[in-house]
Protein backbone atom coordinates (compact mmCIF):
# COMPACT_ATOMS: atom_id res chain seq x y z
CA UNK A 1 9.61 -41.63 150.88
CA UNK A 2 12.79 -39.72 150.07
CA UNK A 3 12.31 -36.03 149.32
CA UNK A 4 14.90 -33.84 147.58
CA UNK A 5 15.41 -30.11 147.99
CA UNK A 6 17.97 -27.33 147.82
CA UNK A 7 20.14 -26.93 150.90
CA UNK A 8 19.93 -23.71 152.89
CA UNK A 9 21.98 -21.99 155.58
CA UNK A 10 19.94 -23.74 158.27
CA UNK A 11 21.09 -27.13 156.96
CA UNK A 12 24.83 -26.55 157.51
CA UNK A 13 25.07 -28.41 160.83
CA UNK A 14 23.19 -31.48 159.56
CA UNK A 15 25.23 -31.57 156.35
CA UNK A 16 28.46 -31.34 158.38
CA UNK A 17 27.33 -34.14 160.69
CA UNK A 18 26.48 -36.49 157.80
CA UNK A 19 29.73 -35.55 156.03
CA UNK A 20 31.76 -36.34 159.17
CA UNK A 21 30.04 -39.69 159.80
CA UNK A 22 30.49 -40.63 156.14
CA UNK A 23 34.22 -39.98 156.36
CA UNK A 24 34.46 -41.89 159.64
CA UNK A 25 32.72 -44.89 158.08
CA UNK A 26 34.39 -44.86 154.67
CA UNK A 27 37.88 -43.47 155.22
CA UNK A 28 39.06 -45.32 158.34
CA UNK A 29 42.66 -46.32 157.77
CA UNK A 30 42.91 -44.01 154.77
CA UNK A 31 42.70 -40.65 156.53
CA UNK A 32 44.31 -40.00 159.89
CA UNK A 33 42.45 -41.95 162.61
CA UNK A 34 43.04 -39.25 165.24
CA UNK A 35 41.44 -36.71 162.93
CA UNK A 36 38.48 -39.01 162.25
CA UNK A 37 37.98 -39.73 165.96
CA UNK A 38 38.51 -36.25 167.41
CA UNK A 39 38.49 -33.47 164.82
CA UNK A 40 36.37 -34.34 161.77
CA UNK A 41 33.05 -33.14 163.22
CA UNK A 42 34.36 -29.68 164.10
CA UNK A 43 36.32 -29.45 160.85
CA UNK A 44 33.37 -30.37 158.60
CA UNK A 45 31.10 -28.03 160.62
CA UNK A 46 33.55 -25.17 160.01
CA UNK A 47 33.66 -25.95 156.27
CA UNK A 48 29.87 -26.06 155.86
CA UNK A 49 29.18 -23.05 158.05
CA UNK A 50 31.64 -21.07 155.91
CA UNK A 51 30.12 -22.30 152.65
CA UNK A 52 26.72 -21.04 153.71
CA UNK A 53 28.02 -17.85 155.37
CA UNK A 54 29.61 -16.71 152.11
CA UNK A 55 27.96 -18.87 149.45
CA UNK A 56 29.48 -19.01 145.99
CA UNK A 57 27.07 -18.13 143.21
CA UNK A 58 28.32 -21.14 141.25
CA UNK A 59 27.44 -23.66 144.00
CA UNK A 60 24.41 -25.89 144.35
CA UNK A 61 23.65 -28.22 147.25
CA UNK A 62 20.85 -30.75 147.03
CA UNK A 63 19.64 -32.68 150.06
CA UNK A 64 17.91 -36.05 150.33
CA UNK A 65 15.62 -36.37 153.34
CA UNK A 66 13.52 -39.12 154.83
CA UNK A 67 10.97 -37.22 156.88
CA UNK A 68 13.08 -34.72 158.80
CA UNK A 69 16.26 -36.84 158.67
CA UNK A 70 19.04 -35.85 156.28
CA UNK A 71 20.06 -39.08 154.54
CA UNK A 72 22.19 -37.73 151.69
CA UNK A 73 23.52 -34.64 149.96
CA UNK A 74 25.47 -33.52 146.96
CA UNK A 75 27.40 -30.31 146.38
CA UNK A 76 28.49 -29.11 142.96
CA UNK A 77 30.49 -26.13 141.70
CA UNK A 78 29.59 -25.12 138.17
CA UNK A 79 32.23 -24.54 135.48
CA UNK A 80 35.04 -25.23 137.95
CA UNK A 81 37.51 -26.56 135.37
CA UNK A 82 38.25 -25.37 131.85
CA UNK A 83 38.99 -28.98 130.91
CA UNK A 84 36.37 -30.96 132.88
CA UNK A 85 33.53 -28.50 133.58
CA UNK A 86 31.45 -28.70 136.77
CA UNK A 87 32.99 -30.25 139.88
CA UNK A 88 30.99 -32.63 142.06
CA UNK A 89 32.70 -31.76 145.33
CA UNK A 90 30.66 -33.94 147.68
CA UNK A 91 28.24 -36.82 147.39
CA UNK A 92 27.38 -38.59 150.63
CA UNK A 93 24.58 -40.97 151.56
CA UNK A 94 23.94 -42.27 155.06
CA UNK A 95 25.13 -45.86 155.38
CA UNK A 96 21.67 -46.87 156.61
CA UNK A 97 20.16 -45.65 153.32
CA UNK A 98 22.90 -46.87 151.00
CA UNK A 99 21.83 -49.00 148.04
CA UNK A 100 18.42 -47.33 147.66
CA UNK A 101 19.27 -45.18 144.64
CA UNK A 102 19.77 -41.95 146.60
CA UNK A 103 23.30 -41.32 145.30
CA UNK A 104 22.15 -41.91 141.73
CA UNK A 105 19.15 -39.60 142.23
CA UNK A 106 21.36 -36.86 143.70
CA UNK A 107 23.75 -37.13 140.75
CA UNK A 108 20.84 -36.89 138.32
CA UNK A 109 19.45 -33.82 140.08
CA UNK A 110 22.85 -32.15 140.11
CA UNK A 111 23.34 -33.07 136.45
CA UNK A 112 20.03 -31.42 135.70
CA UNK A 113 21.24 -28.29 137.50
CA UNK A 114 24.24 -28.23 135.17
CA UNK A 115 21.98 -28.47 132.11
CA UNK A 116 19.80 -25.62 133.38
CA UNK A 117 22.57 -23.27 134.52
CA UNK A 118 25.56 -23.92 132.28
CA UNK A 119 26.47 -23.85 128.61
CA UNK A 120 28.88 -26.74 129.23
CA UNK A 121 27.39 -30.09 130.06
CA UNK A 122 30.35 -31.95 131.52
CA UNK A 123 31.15 -32.86 135.11
CA UNK A 124 33.96 -34.49 137.08
CA UNK A 125 34.77 -35.60 140.59
CA UNK A 126 37.61 -37.02 142.63
CA UNK A 127 37.20 -40.16 144.72
CA UNK A 128 39.68 -41.89 146.99
CA UNK A 129 40.89 -45.10 145.37
CA UNK A 130 39.80 -47.19 148.37
CA UNK A 131 36.19 -45.94 148.27
CA UNK A 132 35.00 -48.99 146.35
CA UNK A 133 31.28 -48.39 146.88
CA UNK A 134 31.46 -44.93 145.35
CA UNK A 135 33.62 -46.19 142.48
CA UNK A 136 31.04 -48.90 141.69
CA UNK A 137 28.34 -46.21 141.54
CA UNK A 138 30.36 -43.92 139.26
CA UNK A 139 31.21 -46.75 136.90
CA UNK A 140 27.59 -47.94 136.86
CA UNK A 141 26.63 -44.37 135.91
CA UNK A 142 29.15 -44.52 133.04
CA UNK A 143 31.72 -42.17 134.52
CA UNK A 144 34.99 -42.28 132.61
CA UNK A 145 38.05 -43.04 134.71
CA UNK A 146 40.47 -40.36 133.54
CA UNK A 147 43.47 -40.48 135.85
CA UNK A 148 44.81 -41.51 139.23
CA UNK A 149 47.02 -39.17 141.24
CA UNK A 150 48.80 -39.30 144.57
CA UNK A 151 48.24 -36.07 146.49
CA UNK A 152 48.68 -34.84 150.01
CA UNK A 153 45.30 -34.11 151.46
CA UNK A 154 44.28 -32.97 154.90
CA UNK A 155 47.15 -33.24 157.41
CA UNK A 156 49.62 -33.69 154.58
CA UNK A 157 48.71 -37.37 154.36
CA UNK A 158 49.25 -38.81 150.86
CA UNK A 159 46.18 -40.45 149.32
CA UNK A 160 45.45 -41.89 145.89
CA UNK A 161 42.57 -40.21 144.12
CA UNK A 162 40.78 -41.14 140.91
CA UNK A 163 39.17 -38.59 138.60
CA UNK A 164 35.85 -39.63 137.05
CA UNK A 165 34.43 -37.61 134.19
CA UNK A 166 31.09 -37.36 132.41
CA UNK A 167 31.49 -35.53 129.06
CA UNK A 168 27.74 -34.94 128.92
CA UNK A 169 25.56 -35.14 132.04
CA UNK A 170 22.53 -35.69 129.81
CA UNK A 171 23.52 -39.37 129.95
CA UNK A 172 23.04 -39.31 133.74
CA UNK A 173 19.57 -37.82 133.46
CA UNK A 174 18.22 -39.94 130.62
CA UNK A 175 19.63 -43.27 131.87
């Protein structure tokens, strides 16, 4: 049975590992292969260690676990945008557990956090155009496709990103 809980400082290494594997599996050929093969683990570990070392008060991280194994996580920053509200910065589910409703459950839990903590009830995220599995999930959850932009990401590599927006996360929770 999948259990959900708030992430803590002690979870940083496991979150970083799942984040790195997720990028290696989903972004091959999109992000720099050398980075994915040799640098992503250390890079994601640095990011997550820093996030927990100096946590933002407007951040929430929810984990999905099967026993003691981390199988998914979501990270949100509240009221990040004056236009779009809270920012879903990360949503990753282990490939072995994909298709079991974990991503949807994490989004619902994070949406509930927005309703509890914020006056605004909207949320957005960015997804790489080629991440078709994630896009199917966001569209199934009635995310509105707002725009597509070409930006230079890590290593100055241009990637196409799509913004998805939920004007009211109540729809995520009650669906």
